[in-house]
Amino acid sequence: MLKIGDLTGVVFAGLSALVIQGVNDEDHLIRVLARTRDEPVPCPMCGTLTGRVHGYGSRTVTDVPVDGRQVVVSVHVRRLLCPAWGCPRQTFREQAPGLL
């Protein structure tokens, strides 16, 4: 039987844009708890870098099954403020490339 510690190379390979906070074995599924990195990101509208947090949200995505069990990734994401004067996009949720 596969152990949770063995999942590092299997499940986490596509999650490099995230900080993994934990992995929970919930019998019928494996839940990966993660958050985005605390780095400035570009505004999707004007490209100005920002790390100014307006709030937080969460997203849940399903990954490929492991050991016959569903893998769910729960991601804590930041809602950021664009600092550019006149940018029509005042706030935005950051994305995890290749995941969200």
C-alpha atoms as a PDB file:
ATOM      1  CA  MET A   1       0.000   0.000   0.000  1.00  0.00           C
ATOM      2  CA  LEU A   2       1.179   3.517  -0.817  1.00  0.00           C
ATOM      3  CA  LYS A   3       2.059   5.746   2.142  1.00  0.00           C
ATOM      4  CA  ILE A   4       1.317   9.472   2.236  1.00  0.00           C
ATOM      5  CA  GLY A   5       5.055  10.234   2.463  1.00  0.00           C
ATOM      6  CA  ASP A   6       5.548   8.463  -0.882  1.00  0.00           C
ATOM      7  CA  LEU A   7       3.377  11.031  -2.670  1.00  0.00           C
ATOM      8  CA  THR A   8       6.027  13.740  -2.880  1.00  0.00           C
ATOM      9  CA  GLY A   9       7.256  12.916  -6.391  1.00  0.00           C
ATOM     10  CA  VAL A  10       3.868  11.737  -7.666  1.00  0.00           C
ATOM     11  CA  VAL A  11       1.388  14.383  -6.549  1.00  0.00           C
ATOM     12  CA  PHE A  12       3.566  17.409  -5.887  1.00  0.00           C
ATOM     13  CA  ALA A  13       5.325  17.448  -9.273  1.00  0.00           C
ATOM     14  CA  GLY A  14       2.757  19.881 -10.738  1.00  0.00           C
ATOM     15  CA  LEU A  15       2.406  21.975  -7.603  1.00  0.00           C
ATOM     16  CA  SER A  16       5.771  23.762  -7.624  1.00  0.00           C
ATOM     17  CA  ALA A  17       4.078  27.189  -7.773  1.00  0.00           C
ATOM     18  CA  LEU A  18       2.556  26.470  -4.345  1.00  0.00           C
ATOM     19  CA  VAL A  19       3.706  26.084  -0.754  1.00  0.00           C
ATOM     20  CA  ILE A  20       2.513  22.682   0.484  1.00  0.00           C
ATOM     21  CA  GLN A  21       1.227  23.042   4.034  1.00  0.00           C
ATOM     22  CA  GLY A  22       0.091  19.485   4.618  1.00  0.00           C
ATOM     23  CA  VAL A  23      -1.322  16.255   3.290  1.00  0.00           C
ATOM     24  CA  ASN A  24      -4.323  14.617   4.953  1.00  0.00           C
ATOM     25  CA  ASP A  25      -5.333  10.982   4.518  1.00  0.00           C
ATOM     26  CA  GLU A  26      -9.145  11.039   4.586  1.00  0.00           C
ATOM     27  CA  ASP A  27      -9.691   7.313   3.801  1.00  0.00           C
ATOM     28  CA  HIS A  28     -11.478   7.670   0.443  1.00  0.00           C
ATOM     29  CA  LEU A  29      -9.383  10.656  -0.646  1.00  0.00           C
ATOM     30  CA  ILE A  30      -6.072  12.397  -0.156  1.00  0.00           C
ATOM     31  CA  ARG A  31      -6.304  16.141   0.535  1.00  0.00           C
ATOM     32  CA  VAL A  32      -3.313  18.382  -0.185  1.00  0.00           C
ATOM     33  CA  LEU A  33      -3.425  21.714   1.667  1.00  0.00           C
ATOM     34  CA  ALA A  34      -1.488  24.456  -0.118  1.00  0.00           C
ATOM     35  CA  ARG A  35      -1.185  28.200  -0.548  1.00  0.00           C
ATOM     36  CA  THR A  36       0.310  30.494  -3.133  1.00  0.00           C
ATOM     37  CA  ARG A  37       3.756  31.929  -2.497  1.00  0.00           C
ATOM     38  CA  ASP A  38       4.192  35.331  -0.816  1.00  0.00           C
ATOM     39  CA  GLU A  39       5.751  36.943  -3.882  1.00  0.00           C
ATOM     40  CA  PRO A  40       4.646  39.922  -5.966  1.00  0.00           C
ATOM     41  CA  VAL A  41       2.646  38.980  -9.064  1.00  0.00           C
ATOM     42  CA  PRO A  42       1.715  41.028 -12.144  1.00  0.00           C
ATOM     43  CA  CYS A  43      -1.730  42.523 -12.562  1.00  0.00           C
ATOM     44  CA  PRO A  44      -3.448  40.573 -15.377  1.00  0.00           C
ATOM     45  CA  MET A  45      -4.655  43.834 -16.938  1.00  0.00           C
ATOM     46  CA  CYS A  46      -1.644  46.196 -16.855  1.00  0.00           C
ATOM     47  CA  GLY A  47       1.269  43.982 -15.737  1.00  0.00           C
ATOM     48  CA  THR A  48       2.261  46.084 -12.706  1.00  0.00           C
ATOM     49  CA  LEU A  49       3.775  43.932  -9.950  1.00  0.00           C
ATOM     50  CA  THR A  50       1.948  43.883  -6.622  1.00  0.00           C
ATOM     51  CA  GLY A  51       1.994  42.009  -3.351  1.00  0.00           C
ATOM     52  CA  ARG A  52      -0.600  44.221  -1.673  1.00  0.00           C
ATOM     53  CA  VAL A  53      -3.228  41.883  -0.206  1.00  0.00           C
ATOM     54  CA  HIS A  54      -6.887  42.893  -0.261  1.00  0.00           C
ATOM     55  CA  GLY A  55      -8.221  39.561   1.041  1.00  0.00           C
ATOM     56  CA  TYR A  56      -8.055  35.796   0.707  1.00  0.00           C
ATOM     57  CA  GLY A  57     -10.052  33.053  -0.923  1.00  0.00           C
ATOM     58  CA  SER A  58      -9.810  29.368  -1.595  1.00  0.00           C
ATOM     59  CA  ARG A  59      -9.989  27.116  -4.604  1.00  0.00           C
ATOM     60  CA  THR A  60     -10.353  23.362  -4.778  1.00  0.00           C
ATOM     61  CA  VAL A  61      -9.087  21.309  -7.691  1.00  0.00           C
ATOM     62  CA  THR A  62      -8.943  17.580  -8.303  1.00  0.00           C
ATOM     63  CA  ASP A  63      -5.657  15.959  -9.268  1.00  0.00           C
ATOM     64  CA  VAL A  64      -5.027  12.533 -10.780  1.00  0.00           C
ATOM     65  CA  PRO A  65      -5.940   9.553  -8.543  1.00  0.00           C
ATOM     66  CA  VAL A  66      -3.200   7.941  -6.464  1.00  0.00           C
ATOM     67  CA  ASP A  67      -3.447   4.399  -5.116  1.00  0.00           C
ATOM     68  CA  GLY A  68      -7.061   4.263  -6.322  1.00  0.00           C
ATOM     69  CA  ARG A  69      -8.050   7.313  -4.265  1.00  0.00           C
ATOM     70  CA  GLN A  70      -9.107  10.746  -5.405  1.00  0.00           C
ATOM     71  CA  VAL A  71      -6.602  13.555  -4.774  1.00  0.00           C
ATOM     72  CA  VAL A  72      -8.035  16.968  -3.908  1.00  0.00           C
ATOM     73  CA  VAL A  73      -5.866  20.083  -3.721  1.00  0.00           C
ATOM     74  CA  SER A  74      -7.263  22.866  -1.495  1.00  0.00           C
ATOM     75  CA  VAL A  75      -5.451  26.108  -2.367  1.00  0.00           C
ATOM     76  CA  HIS A  76      -5.526  29.314  -0.294  1.00  0.00           C
ATOM     77  CA  VAL A  77      -5.118  32.261  -2.731  1.00  0.00           C
ATOM     78  CA  ARG A  78      -4.660  36.001  -2.249  1.00  0.00           C
ATOM     79  CA  ARG A  79      -6.895  38.709  -3.663  1.00  0.00           C
ATOM     80  CA  LEU A  80      -4.547  41.535  -4.589  1.00  0.00           C
ATOM     81  CA  LEU A  81      -4.846  45.264  -5.238  1.00  0.00           C
ATOM     82  CA  CYS A  82      -3.363  46.720  -8.412  1.00  0.00           C
ATOM     83  CA  PRO A  83      -1.290  49.786  -7.438  1.00  0.00           C
ATOM     84  CA  ALA A  84      -1.316  51.341 -10.932  1.00  0.00           C
ATOM     85  CA  TRP A  85      -3.235  54.596 -11.085  1.00  0.00           C
ATOM     86  CA  GLY A  86      -6.051  54.322 -13.619  1.00  0.00           C
ATOM     87  CA  CYS A  87      -5.857  50.547 -14.108  1.00  0.00           C
ATOM     88  CA  PRO A  88      -9.423  49.307 -14.718  1.00  0.00           C
ATOM     89  CA  ARG A  89      -8.624  46.110 -12.783  1.00  0.00           C
ATOM     90  CA  GLN A  90      -8.570  47.299  -9.177  1.00  0.00           C
ATOM     91  CA  THR A  91      -8.406  43.860  -7.554  1.00  0.00           C
ATOM     92  CA  PHE A  92      -7.695  40.358  -8.830  1.00  0.00           C
ATOM     93  CA  ARG A  93      -7.218  36.810  -7.584  1.00  0.00           C
ATOM     94  CA  GLU A  94      -3.763  35.429  -8.172  1.00  0.00           C
ATOM     95  CA  GLN A  95      -3.405  32.311 -10.285  1.00  0.00           C
ATOM     96  CA  ALA A  96      -1.180  29.277  -9.854  1.00  0.00           C
ATOM     97  CA  PRO A  97       0.278  28.647 -13.333  1.00  0.00           C
ATOM     98  CA  GLY A  98      -0.602  25.204 -14.627  1.00  0.00           C
ATOM     99  CA  LEU A  99      -3.020  24.572 -11.767  1.00  0.00           C
ATOM    100  CA  LEU A 100      -5.708  27.248 -11.446  1.00  0.00           C
END
